[in-house]
Amino acid sequence: MINIKELQNKLAEIDERSSAPGFWDNNQKASALMQERQSTESIVTFYLHFEDQVKFYQELMESSPEELDALASDLEQLSSE
């Protein structure tokens, strides 16, 4: 399972390291770390977006079941066209 807090801490650590003097002295090592940062940030962004979507649909299901029924009906019509 993804530990989002751990990944966010990793991003903060990379940001701190990359702002240190001499970080770019070893260009190859610095580039590899920045690629790792980009990959980690992509995972965090995707996870947070997915989490927001889940919360939205949970709230929708709890607050408006009739809207979900209408949406399901609309989707059935679209899929049959």
C-alpha atoms as a PDB file:
ATOM      1  CA  MET A   1       0.000   0.000   0.000  1.00  0.00           C
ATOM      2  CA  ILE A   2       1.182   3.506  -0.727  1.00  0.00           C
ATOM      3  CA  ASN A   3       2.275   5.509   2.291  1.00  0.00           C
ATOM      4  CA  ILE A   4       1.530   8.993   1.014  1.00  0.00           C
ATOM      5  CA  LYS A   5       3.035  10.744   4.037  1.00  0.00           C
ATOM      6  CA  GLU A   6       6.289   8.876   3.507  1.00  0.00           C
ATOM      7  CA  LEU A   7       6.371   9.944  -0.137  1.00  0.00           C
ATOM      8  CA  GLN A   8       5.596  13.549   0.780  1.00  0.00           C
ATOM      9  CA  ASN A   9       8.428  13.470   3.327  1.00  0.00           C
ATOM     10  CA  LYS A  10      10.708  12.066   0.636  1.00  0.00           C
ATOM     11  CA  LEU A  11       9.823  14.992  -1.628  1.00  0.00           C
ATOM     12  CA  ALA A  12      10.598  17.463   1.152  1.00  0.00           C
ATOM     13  CA  GLU A  13      13.932  15.743   1.789  1.00  0.00           C
ATOM     14  CA  ILE A  14      14.851  15.846  -1.897  1.00  0.00           C
ATOM     15  CA  ASP A  15      13.881  19.523  -2.069  1.00  0.00           C
ATOM     16  CA  GLU A  16      16.064  20.249   0.936  1.00  0.00           C
ATOM     17  CA  ARG A  17      19.001  18.337  -0.524  1.00  0.00           C
ATOM     18  CA  SER A  18      18.634  19.998  -3.915  1.00  0.00           C
ATOM     19  CA  SER A  19      18.817  23.471  -2.397  1.00  0.00           C
ATOM     20  CA  ALA A  20      22.095  22.724  -0.614  1.00  0.00           C
ATOM     21  CA  PRO A  21      25.242  24.385  -1.899  1.00  0.00           C
ATOM     22  CA  GLY A  22      27.187  22.157  -4.238  1.00  0.00           C
ATOM     23  CA  PHE A  23      24.204  19.971  -5.098  1.00  0.00           C
ATOM     24  CA  TRP A  24      24.878  20.252  -8.821  1.00  0.00           C
ATOM     25  CA  ASP A  25      28.625  19.634  -8.464  1.00  0.00           C
ATOM     26  CA  ASN A  26      27.936  15.998  -9.319  1.00  0.00           C
ATOM     27  CA  ASN A  27      25.607  16.531 -12.258  1.00  0.00           C
ATOM     28  CA  GLN A  28      24.894  12.844 -12.818  1.00  0.00           C
ATOM     29  CA  LYS A  29      23.924  12.212  -9.193  1.00  0.00           C
ATOM     30  CA  ALA A  30      21.877  15.408  -9.026  1.00  0.00           C
ATOM     31  CA  SER A  31      20.016  14.543 -12.237  1.00  0.00           C
ATOM     32  CA  ALA A  32      19.214  11.061 -10.953  1.00  0.00           C
ATOM     33  CA  LEU A  33      17.836  12.503  -7.722  1.00  0.00           C
ATOM     34  CA  MET A  34      15.704  15.019  -9.640  1.00  0.00           C
ATOM     35  CA  GLN A  35      14.321  12.196 -11.789  1.00  0.00           C
ATOM     36  CA  GLU A  36      13.462  10.327  -8.611  1.00  0.00           C
ATOM     37  CA  ARG A  37      11.761  13.475  -7.340  1.00  0.00           C
ATOM     38  CA  GLN A  38       9.721  13.809 -10.518  1.00  0.00           C
ATOM     39  CA  SER A  39       8.618  10.187 -10.327  1.00  0.00           C
ATOM     40  CA  THR A  40       7.691  10.488  -6.657  1.00  0.00           C
ATOM     41  CA  GLU A  41       5.800  13.716  -7.271  1.00  0.00           C
ATOM     42  CA  SER A  42       3.816  12.051 -10.064  1.00  0.00           C
ATOM     43  CA  ILE A  43       2.784   9.253  -7.708  1.00  0.00           C
ATOM     44  CA  VAL A  44       1.779  11.712  -4.977  1.00  0.00           C
ATOM     45  CA  THR A  45      -0.199  13.863  -7.403  1.00  0.00           C
ATOM     46  CA  PHE A  46      -2.009  10.851  -8.864  1.00  0.00           C
ATOM     47  CA  TYR A  47      -2.774   9.436  -5.417  1.00  0.00           C
ATOM     48  CA  LEU A  48      -4.145  12.732  -4.080  1.00  0.00           C
ATOM     49  CA  HIS A  49      -6.274  13.216  -7.191  1.00  0.00           C
ATOM     50  CA  PHE A  50      -7.612   9.669  -6.890  1.00  0.00           C
ATOM     51  CA  GLU A  51      -8.316  10.208  -3.189  1.00  0.00           C
ATOM     52  CA  ASP A  52     -10.260  13.397  -4.007  1.00  0.00           C
ATOM     53  CA  GLN A  53     -12.310  11.539  -6.603  1.00  0.00           C
ATOM     54  CA  VAL A  54     -13.146   8.759  -4.147  1.00  0.00           C
ATOM     55  CA  LYS A  55     -14.247  11.302  -1.536  1.00  0.00           C
ATOM     56  CA  PHE A  56     -16.389  13.113  -4.109  1.00  0.00           C
ATOM     57  CA  TYR A  57     -18.203   9.940  -5.144  1.00  0.00           C
ATOM     58  CA  GLN A  58     -18.618   8.787  -1.558  1.00  0.00           C
ATOM     59  CA  GLU A  59     -20.229  12.121  -0.686  1.00  0.00           C
ATOM     60  CA  LEU A  60     -22.401  11.935  -3.770  1.00  0.00           C
ATOM     61  CA  MET A  61     -23.584   8.438  -2.864  1.00  0.00           C
ATOM     62  CA  GLU A  62     -24.356   9.486   0.694  1.00  0.00           C
ATOM     63  CA  SER A  63     -26.099  12.753  -0.092  1.00  0.00           C
ATOM     64  CA  SER A  64     -27.871  12.127  -3.382  1.00  0.00           C
ATOM     65  CA  PRO A  65     -28.734   8.522  -4.197  1.00  0.00           C
ATOM     66  CA  GLU A  66     -31.455   9.705  -6.568  1.00  0.00           C
ATOM     67  CA  GLU A  67     -28.873  11.682  -8.563  1.00  0.00           C
ATOM     68  CA  LEU A  68     -26.843   8.505  -8.924  1.00  0.00           C
ATOM     69  CA  ASP A  69     -29.890   6.669 -10.227  1.00  0.00           C
ATOM     70  CA  ALA A  70     -30.439   9.409 -12.792  1.00  0.00           C
ATOM     71  CA  LEU A  71     -26.770   9.333 -13.754  1.00  0.00           C
ATOM     72  CA  ALA A  72     -26.874   5.547 -14.160  1.00  0.00           C
ATOM     73  CA  SER A  73     -29.913   5.889 -16.383  1.00  0.00           C
ATOM     74  CA  ASP A  74     -28.157   8.519 -18.517  1.00  0.00           C
ATOM     75  CA  LEU A  75     -25.086   6.308 -18.824  1.00  0.00           C
ATOM     76  CA  GLU A  76     -27.191   3.360 -19.924  1.00  0.00           C
ATOM     77  CA  GLN A  77     -28.768   5.500 -22.631  1.00  0.00           C
ATOM     78  CA  LEU A  78     -25.357   6.708 -23.816  1.00  0.00           C
ATOM     79  CA  SER A  79     -23.937   3.205 -23.947  1.00  0.00           C
ATOM     80  CA  SER A  80     -26.867   1.907 -25.991  1.00  0.00           C
ATOM     81  CA  GLU A  81     -26.454   4.626 -28.641  1.00  0.00           C
END
